N, C-alpha and C. Protein backbone atom coordinates (compact mmCIF):
# COMPACT_ATOMS: atom_id res chain seq x y z
N MET A 1 35.65 -1.95 -8.96
CA MET A 1 35.40 -3.20 -9.49
C MET A 1 34.45 -3.83 -8.63
N ALA A 2 33.45 -4.32 -9.20
CA ALA A 2 32.31 -4.99 -8.52
C ALA A 2 32.66 -6.38 -8.13
N HIS A 3 33.28 -7.06 -8.94
CA HIS A 3 33.81 -8.48 -8.69
C HIS A 3 35.27 -8.57 -8.77
N GLU A 4 35.72 -9.56 -7.93
CA GLU A 4 37.24 -9.97 -8.10
C GLU A 4 37.22 -11.35 -7.67
N GLN A 5 38.31 -12.01 -8.26
CA GLN A 5 38.30 -13.44 -8.17
C GLN A 5 39.75 -13.68 -7.90
N GLU A 6 40.00 -14.76 -7.03
CA GLU A 6 41.40 -15.35 -6.69
C GLU A 6 41.11 -16.88 -6.63
N ILE A 7 42.02 -17.49 -7.10
CA ILE A 7 42.11 -19.00 -6.96
C ILE A 7 42.86 -19.24 -5.63
N VAL A 8 42.14 -20.18 -4.81
CA VAL A 8 42.72 -20.57 -3.51
C VAL A 8 42.55 -22.15 -3.56
N LYS A 9 43.21 -22.72 -2.79
CA LYS A 9 43.29 -24.18 -2.75
C LYS A 9 42.53 -24.78 -1.57
N VAL A 10 41.92 -25.78 -1.86
CA VAL A 10 41.10 -26.53 -0.72
C VAL A 10 42.01 -27.39 0.12
N ASP A 11 42.04 -27.34 1.42
CA ASP A 11 42.86 -28.16 2.22
C ASP A 11 42.27 -29.53 2.31
N SER A 12 42.94 -30.41 3.12
CA SER A 12 42.54 -31.88 3.32
C SER A 12 41.19 -31.88 4.05
N LYS A 13 40.85 -30.86 4.87
CA LYS A 13 39.63 -30.81 5.57
C LYS A 13 38.50 -29.96 4.85
N GLY A 14 38.73 -29.75 3.77
CA GLY A 14 37.74 -28.97 2.80
C GLY A 14 37.69 -27.38 3.02
N ARG A 15 38.64 -26.94 3.68
CA ARG A 15 38.79 -25.43 4.11
C ARG A 15 39.35 -24.76 2.99
N ILE A 16 39.01 -23.48 2.88
CA ILE A 16 39.68 -22.57 1.96
C ILE A 16 39.99 -21.24 3.03
N THR A 17 41.07 -20.49 2.47
CA THR A 17 41.30 -19.19 3.14
C THR A 17 40.91 -18.17 2.30
N ILE A 18 40.22 -17.29 2.81
CA ILE A 18 39.76 -15.99 2.02
C ILE A 18 40.85 -15.08 2.11
N PRO A 19 41.41 -14.55 1.03
CA PRO A 19 42.63 -13.70 0.98
C PRO A 19 42.34 -12.55 2.00
N ALA A 20 43.40 -12.12 2.62
CA ALA A 20 43.39 -11.07 3.70
C ALA A 20 42.79 -9.83 3.17
N HIS A 21 43.12 -9.25 2.03
CA HIS A 21 42.53 -8.12 1.43
C HIS A 21 41.02 -8.03 1.27
N MET A 22 40.54 -9.21 1.02
CA MET A 22 39.14 -9.56 0.72
C MET A 22 38.45 -9.58 2.24
N ARG A 23 39.02 -10.10 3.12
CA ARG A 23 38.38 -10.07 4.62
C ARG A 23 38.57 -8.68 5.05
N THR A 24 39.53 -8.03 4.86
CA THR A 24 39.54 -6.59 5.32
C THR A 24 38.51 -5.75 4.66
N GLU A 25 38.27 -5.92 3.33
CA GLU A 25 37.27 -5.09 2.63
C GLU A 25 35.83 -5.45 3.20
N LEU A 26 35.54 -6.62 3.38
CA LEU A 26 34.34 -7.08 3.79
C LEU A 26 34.14 -6.85 5.43
N GLY A 27 35.20 -6.52 6.25
CA GLY A 27 35.00 -6.29 7.71
C GLY A 27 35.13 -7.58 8.42
N MET A 28 35.49 -8.65 7.80
CA MET A 28 35.76 -9.94 8.28
C MET A 28 36.73 -9.94 9.25
N LYS A 29 36.69 -10.37 10.57
CA LYS A 29 37.84 -10.45 11.70
C LYS A 29 37.59 -11.74 12.19
N GLU A 30 38.70 -12.18 12.96
CA GLU A 30 38.63 -13.53 13.78
C GLU A 30 37.32 -13.43 14.59
N GLY A 31 36.50 -14.40 14.69
CA GLY A 31 35.35 -14.49 15.35
C GLY A 31 34.13 -14.06 14.71
N SER A 32 34.20 -13.47 13.35
CA SER A 32 32.99 -12.96 12.67
C SER A 32 32.36 -14.17 12.11
N TYR A 33 31.07 -14.04 11.79
CA TYR A 33 30.24 -15.18 11.28
C TYR A 33 29.94 -14.85 9.93
N ALA A 34 30.15 -15.91 9.00
CA ALA A 34 29.78 -15.94 7.56
C ALA A 34 28.74 -16.77 7.28
N SER A 35 28.08 -16.49 6.26
CA SER A 35 26.99 -17.47 5.78
C SER A 35 27.57 -18.14 4.41
N VAL A 36 27.36 -19.34 4.22
CA VAL A 36 27.73 -20.03 3.12
C VAL A 36 26.59 -20.54 2.33
N ARG A 37 26.29 -20.08 1.15
CA ARG A 37 25.24 -20.48 0.35
C ARG A 37 25.68 -21.38 -0.94
N LEU A 38 25.05 -22.66 -0.99
CA LEU A 38 25.48 -23.37 -2.14
C LEU A 38 24.36 -23.14 -3.30
N ASN A 39 24.92 -22.90 -4.51
CA ASN A 39 24.16 -23.01 -5.69
C ASN A 39 24.31 -24.30 -6.49
N ARG A 40 23.39 -25.08 -6.53
CA ARG A 40 23.71 -26.35 -7.15
C ARG A 40 23.66 -26.22 -8.79
N GLU A 41 22.92 -25.44 -9.19
CA GLU A 41 22.73 -25.10 -10.79
C GLU A 41 24.05 -24.75 -11.35
N ASP A 42 24.83 -23.76 -10.80
CA ASP A 42 26.02 -23.33 -11.32
C ASP A 42 27.18 -23.95 -10.62
N ARG A 43 26.93 -24.84 -9.68
CA ARG A 43 28.13 -25.43 -8.83
C ARG A 43 29.07 -24.26 -8.20
N SER A 44 28.42 -23.47 -7.38
CA SER A 44 29.11 -22.37 -6.89
C SER A 44 28.64 -22.19 -5.44
N VAL A 45 29.51 -21.50 -4.63
CA VAL A 45 29.22 -21.23 -3.30
C VAL A 45 29.46 -19.71 -2.94
N VAL A 46 28.61 -19.08 -2.47
CA VAL A 46 28.81 -17.67 -2.07
C VAL A 46 28.89 -17.67 -0.55
N VAL A 47 30.18 -16.81 -0.02
CA VAL A 47 30.40 -16.66 1.22
C VAL A 47 30.12 -15.22 1.49
N ARG A 48 29.33 -14.72 2.63
CA ARG A 48 28.97 -13.47 2.92
C ARG A 48 29.31 -13.30 4.39
N LEU A 49 29.59 -12.08 4.70
CA LEU A 49 29.67 -11.70 6.28
C LEU A 49 28.16 -11.62 6.69
N PHE A 50 28.08 -12.39 7.76
CA PHE A 50 26.70 -12.65 8.27
C PHE A 50 26.75 -11.62 9.50
N ALA A 51 27.60 -11.72 10.46
CA ALA A 51 27.66 -10.94 11.70
C ALA A 51 28.94 -10.70 12.22
N GLY A 52 29.28 -9.49 12.83
CA GLY A 52 30.55 -9.32 13.43
C GLY A 52 31.13 -10.16 14.55
N SER A 53 32.31 -9.96 14.71
CA SER A 53 33.00 -10.82 15.91
C SER A 53 32.33 -10.54 17.25
N GLN A 54 31.69 -9.48 17.42
CA GLN A 54 31.04 -9.04 18.79
C GLN A 54 29.55 -9.64 19.07
N ALA A 55 29.12 -10.15 17.70
CA ALA A 55 27.71 -10.58 17.82
C ALA A 55 27.68 -11.81 18.87
N LYS A 56 26.40 -11.91 19.41
CA LYS A 56 26.00 -13.03 20.16
C LYS A 56 24.69 -13.51 19.51
N LEU A 57 24.97 -14.67 18.84
CA LEU A 57 23.80 -15.21 18.10
C LEU A 57 23.02 -16.27 18.71
N VAL A 58 21.68 -16.13 18.52
CA VAL A 58 20.74 -16.99 19.07
C VAL A 58 19.67 -17.51 17.97
N GLU A 59 18.98 -18.67 18.19
CA GLU A 59 17.97 -18.85 17.43
C GLU A 59 16.74 -18.80 18.30
N ILE A 60 15.69 -17.85 17.96
CA ILE A 60 14.55 -17.77 18.60
C ILE A 60 13.48 -18.38 17.65
N ARG A 61 12.77 -19.31 18.41
CA ARG A 61 11.71 -20.09 17.67
C ARG A 61 10.33 -19.61 18.28
N LEU A 62 9.49 -19.08 17.66
CA LEU A 62 8.24 -18.52 18.18
C LEU A 62 7.10 -19.06 17.40
N MET A 63 6.06 -19.46 18.18
CA MET A 63 4.73 -19.91 17.74
C MET A 63 3.97 -18.67 17.95
N ILE A 64 3.37 -18.19 16.73
CA ILE A 64 2.82 -16.96 16.83
C ILE A 64 1.34 -17.22 16.19
N PRO A 65 0.27 -16.20 16.54
CA PRO A 65 -1.00 -16.51 15.98
C PRO A 65 -0.95 -16.47 14.42
N ASP A 66 -1.59 -17.33 13.58
CA ASP A 66 -1.65 -17.10 12.23
C ASP A 66 -2.72 -16.26 11.76
N ARG A 67 -2.44 -14.93 11.83
CA ARG A 67 -3.26 -13.89 11.35
C ARG A 67 -2.40 -12.75 10.75
N PRO A 68 -3.18 -11.95 9.87
CA PRO A 68 -2.47 -10.80 9.26
C PRO A 68 -1.83 -9.88 10.44
N GLY A 69 -0.45 -9.63 10.06
CA GLY A 69 0.17 -8.52 11.12
C GLY A 69 0.81 -9.23 12.31
N ALA A 70 0.66 -10.46 12.47
CA ALA A 70 1.19 -11.15 13.80
C ALA A 70 2.68 -11.22 13.78
N LEU A 71 3.12 -11.53 12.66
CA LEU A 71 4.74 -11.65 12.51
C LEU A 71 5.40 -10.14 12.62
N ALA A 72 4.71 -9.27 11.95
CA ALA A 72 5.20 -7.83 11.99
C ALA A 72 5.13 -7.38 13.48
N ARG A 73 3.96 -7.48 14.26
CA ARG A 73 4.03 -7.23 15.67
C ARG A 73 5.16 -7.90 16.48
N ALA A 74 5.30 -9.18 16.21
CA ALA A 74 6.47 -9.85 16.93
C ALA A 74 7.89 -9.30 16.55
N ALA A 75 8.01 -8.92 15.28
CA ALA A 75 9.25 -8.43 14.82
C ALA A 75 9.61 -7.03 15.43
N ARG A 76 8.57 -6.21 15.42
CA ARG A 76 8.68 -4.85 16.11
C ARG A 76 8.88 -5.00 17.52
N ALA A 77 8.21 -6.00 18.23
CA ALA A 77 8.58 -6.08 19.61
C ALA A 77 10.00 -6.54 20.03
N LEU A 78 10.54 -7.43 19.11
CA LEU A 78 11.84 -7.70 19.12
C LEU A 78 12.78 -6.58 18.92
N GLY A 79 12.61 -5.77 17.85
CA GLY A 79 13.29 -4.81 17.51
C GLY A 79 13.35 -3.70 18.70
N ASP A 80 12.07 -3.47 19.27
CA ASP A 80 12.10 -2.49 20.40
C ASP A 80 13.00 -2.95 21.57
N LEU A 81 13.32 -4.03 21.69
CA LEU A 81 14.16 -4.75 22.74
C LEU A 81 15.56 -4.84 22.22
N ASN A 82 15.93 -4.20 21.14
CA ASN A 82 17.24 -4.21 20.54
C ASN A 82 17.79 -5.44 20.10
N VAL A 83 16.89 -6.49 19.74
CA VAL A 83 17.21 -7.72 19.11
C VAL A 83 17.35 -7.40 17.67
N ASP A 84 18.48 -7.90 17.06
CA ASP A 84 18.98 -7.56 15.74
C ASP A 84 18.58 -8.71 14.94
N LEU A 85 17.50 -8.70 14.15
CA LEU A 85 17.09 -9.82 13.25
C LEU A 85 17.99 -10.05 12.25
N LEU A 86 18.61 -11.12 12.01
CA LEU A 86 19.60 -11.33 10.79
C LEU A 86 19.15 -12.20 9.77
N SER A 87 18.41 -13.26 10.22
CA SER A 87 17.57 -14.03 9.19
C SER A 87 16.49 -14.76 9.76
N SER A 88 15.41 -15.00 9.07
CA SER A 88 14.35 -15.88 9.37
C SER A 88 13.52 -16.57 8.53
N ASN A 89 12.67 -17.46 8.96
CA ASN A 89 11.90 -18.46 8.19
C ASN A 89 10.58 -18.61 8.96
N SER A 90 9.44 -18.43 8.22
CA SER A 90 8.10 -18.62 8.81
C SER A 90 7.39 -19.71 7.94
N ARG A 91 6.28 -20.38 8.67
CA ARG A 91 5.43 -21.31 8.00
C ARG A 91 4.36 -21.38 8.85
N THR A 92 3.20 -21.61 8.16
CA THR A 92 1.81 -21.89 8.98
C THR A 92 1.86 -23.30 9.53
N ILE A 93 1.37 -23.53 10.67
CA ILE A 93 1.29 -24.78 11.29
C ILE A 93 -0.17 -25.23 11.13
N LYS A 94 -0.93 -24.46 11.47
CA LYS A 94 -2.51 -24.70 11.39
C LYS A 94 -3.13 -23.29 10.89
N LYS A 95 -3.46 -23.53 9.71
CA LYS A 95 -4.17 -22.31 9.09
C LYS A 95 -5.21 -21.50 9.77
N GLY A 96 -4.93 -20.19 10.08
CA GLY A 96 -5.80 -19.44 10.86
C GLY A 96 -5.63 -19.55 12.47
N GLU A 97 -4.64 -20.33 12.69
CA GLU A 97 -4.57 -20.56 14.26
C GLU A 97 -2.99 -20.28 14.69
N VAL A 98 -2.24 -21.19 14.11
CA VAL A 98 -0.84 -20.90 14.57
C VAL A 98 0.15 -21.06 13.51
N ALA A 99 1.22 -20.17 13.53
CA ALA A 99 2.37 -20.17 12.61
C ALA A 99 3.69 -20.25 13.41
N GLU A 100 4.72 -20.78 12.76
CA GLU A 100 5.97 -20.91 13.52
C GLU A 100 6.90 -19.73 12.73
N TRP A 101 7.83 -19.13 13.48
CA TRP A 101 8.62 -18.05 12.92
C TRP A 101 10.07 -18.44 13.62
N VAL A 102 10.97 -18.78 12.87
CA VAL A 102 12.32 -19.04 13.36
C VAL A 102 13.17 -18.08 13.05
N VAL A 103 13.83 -17.37 13.85
CA VAL A 103 14.81 -16.25 13.81
C VAL A 103 16.28 -16.47 14.18
N VAL A 104 17.25 -16.12 13.34
CA VAL A 104 18.59 -16.09 13.98
C VAL A 104 18.69 -14.58 14.22
N ALA A 105 19.25 -14.18 15.40
CA ALA A 105 19.32 -12.84 15.80
C ALA A 105 20.54 -12.67 16.63
N ASP A 106 21.15 -11.32 16.50
CA ASP A 106 22.17 -10.98 17.37
C ASP A 106 21.54 -10.25 18.57
N VAL A 107 21.83 -10.79 19.87
CA VAL A 107 21.34 -10.20 21.20
C VAL A 107 22.42 -9.62 21.91
N GLY A 108 23.47 -9.32 21.18
CA GLY A 108 24.61 -8.46 21.85
C GLY A 108 24.29 -7.26 22.48
N GLN A 109 23.30 -6.47 21.84
CA GLN A 109 22.93 -5.13 22.32
C GLN A 109 21.56 -5.12 22.93
N LEU A 110 21.30 -6.27 23.51
CA LEU A 110 20.00 -6.67 24.26
C LEU A 110 19.91 -5.56 25.43
N LYS A 111 18.64 -4.99 25.51
CA LYS A 111 18.34 -4.10 26.63
C LYS A 111 17.92 -4.76 27.93
N SER A 112 17.57 -6.09 27.82
CA SER A 112 17.17 -6.67 28.92
C SER A 112 17.68 -8.18 28.75
N SER A 113 17.26 -9.16 29.66
CA SER A 113 17.58 -10.58 29.62
C SER A 113 16.75 -11.27 28.45
N ILE A 114 17.21 -12.35 28.08
CA ILE A 114 16.54 -13.22 27.31
C ILE A 114 15.16 -13.65 27.83
N GLU A 115 15.32 -13.96 29.10
CA GLU A 115 13.95 -14.37 29.87
C GLU A 115 12.96 -13.17 29.85
N ASP A 116 13.56 -12.14 29.94
CA ASP A 116 12.58 -10.75 29.81
C ASP A 116 11.95 -10.77 28.53
N VAL A 117 12.76 -11.04 27.38
CA VAL A 117 12.24 -10.95 26.08
C VAL A 117 11.17 -11.90 25.76
N LYS A 118 11.37 -13.12 26.25
CA LYS A 118 10.35 -14.20 26.21
C LYS A 118 9.12 -13.72 26.99
N LYS A 119 9.30 -13.27 28.15
CA LYS A 119 8.15 -12.86 28.98
C LYS A 119 7.29 -11.86 28.26
N SER A 120 8.00 -10.77 27.72
CA SER A 120 7.35 -9.60 27.18
C SER A 120 6.58 -9.99 25.73
N LEU A 121 7.07 -10.98 24.96
CA LEU A 121 6.40 -11.42 23.77
C LEU A 121 5.07 -12.17 24.20
N ILE A 122 5.26 -13.03 25.13
CA ILE A 122 4.02 -13.80 25.69
C ILE A 122 3.06 -12.97 26.42
N MET A 123 3.40 -12.02 27.11
CA MET A 123 2.47 -11.14 27.86
C MET A 123 1.74 -10.26 26.90
N SER A 124 2.61 -9.74 25.79
CA SER A 124 1.83 -8.75 24.93
C SER A 124 0.96 -9.62 23.70
N ARG A 125 1.10 -10.82 23.92
CA ARG A 125 0.21 -11.79 23.07
C ARG A 125 0.76 -11.73 21.52
N ASP A 126 2.21 -11.26 21.46
CA ASP A 126 2.74 -11.28 20.12
C ASP A 126 3.26 -12.82 19.71
N ALA A 127 3.34 -13.40 20.93
CA ALA A 127 3.76 -15.02 20.67
C ALA A 127 2.94 -15.88 21.62
N ILE A 128 2.73 -17.01 21.10
CA ILE A 128 2.11 -17.89 21.98
C ILE A 128 3.08 -18.81 22.83
N SER A 129 4.36 -19.13 22.14
CA SER A 129 5.53 -19.57 22.95
C SER A 129 6.72 -19.21 22.31
N VAL A 130 7.71 -19.22 23.09
CA VAL A 130 9.16 -18.70 22.57
C VAL A 130 10.06 -19.66 23.16
N GLU A 131 10.98 -20.07 22.36
CA GLU A 131 12.22 -20.81 22.66
C GLU A 131 13.42 -20.20 22.07
N VAL A 132 14.35 -20.03 23.04
CA VAL A 132 15.63 -19.33 22.47
C VAL A 132 16.81 -20.40 22.75
N ARG A 133 17.59 -20.50 21.92
CA ARG A 133 18.88 -21.27 22.21
C ARG A 133 20.07 -20.59 21.55
N GLU A 134 21.19 -20.37 22.34
CA GLU A 134 22.41 -19.94 21.81
C GLU A 134 22.94 -20.81 20.78
N LEU A 135 23.53 -19.98 19.76
CA LEU A 135 24.10 -20.69 18.57
C LEU A 135 25.63 -20.70 18.95
N ARG A 136 26.11 -21.92 19.00
CA ARG A 136 27.55 -22.12 19.31
C ARG A 136 28.18 -22.80 18.05
N LEU A 137 28.77 -21.96 17.41
CA LEU A 137 29.43 -22.40 16.11
C LEU A 137 30.89 -22.37 16.18
């Protein structure tokens, strides 16, 4: 069965409990991360497993050259360092010069330190600047 539905009650703090058998099927454990997406059109919320309980989530904000392939090179560099990219958003800051790429990533399997990651991206010129902050949810 592709879809399953259960009715749950919202508590006084706006929380709901995902039924245990659904959490098990999704691999959700205590400490796991979930994403919650609001769909205003049909007044629904979708909850998805985002990262496991062993994940160490960070937000990486990179300023990169605004030219073809720059984002791909930065992504490859992060992947080579064992940074697991979970979600991202990019935008042009100054056409043909600078773009911003914001990534939520799991650095739990990182091959080196966060400082080494930053230095590597700057030295390889895959990024102009790099800021990393730990996500404490």
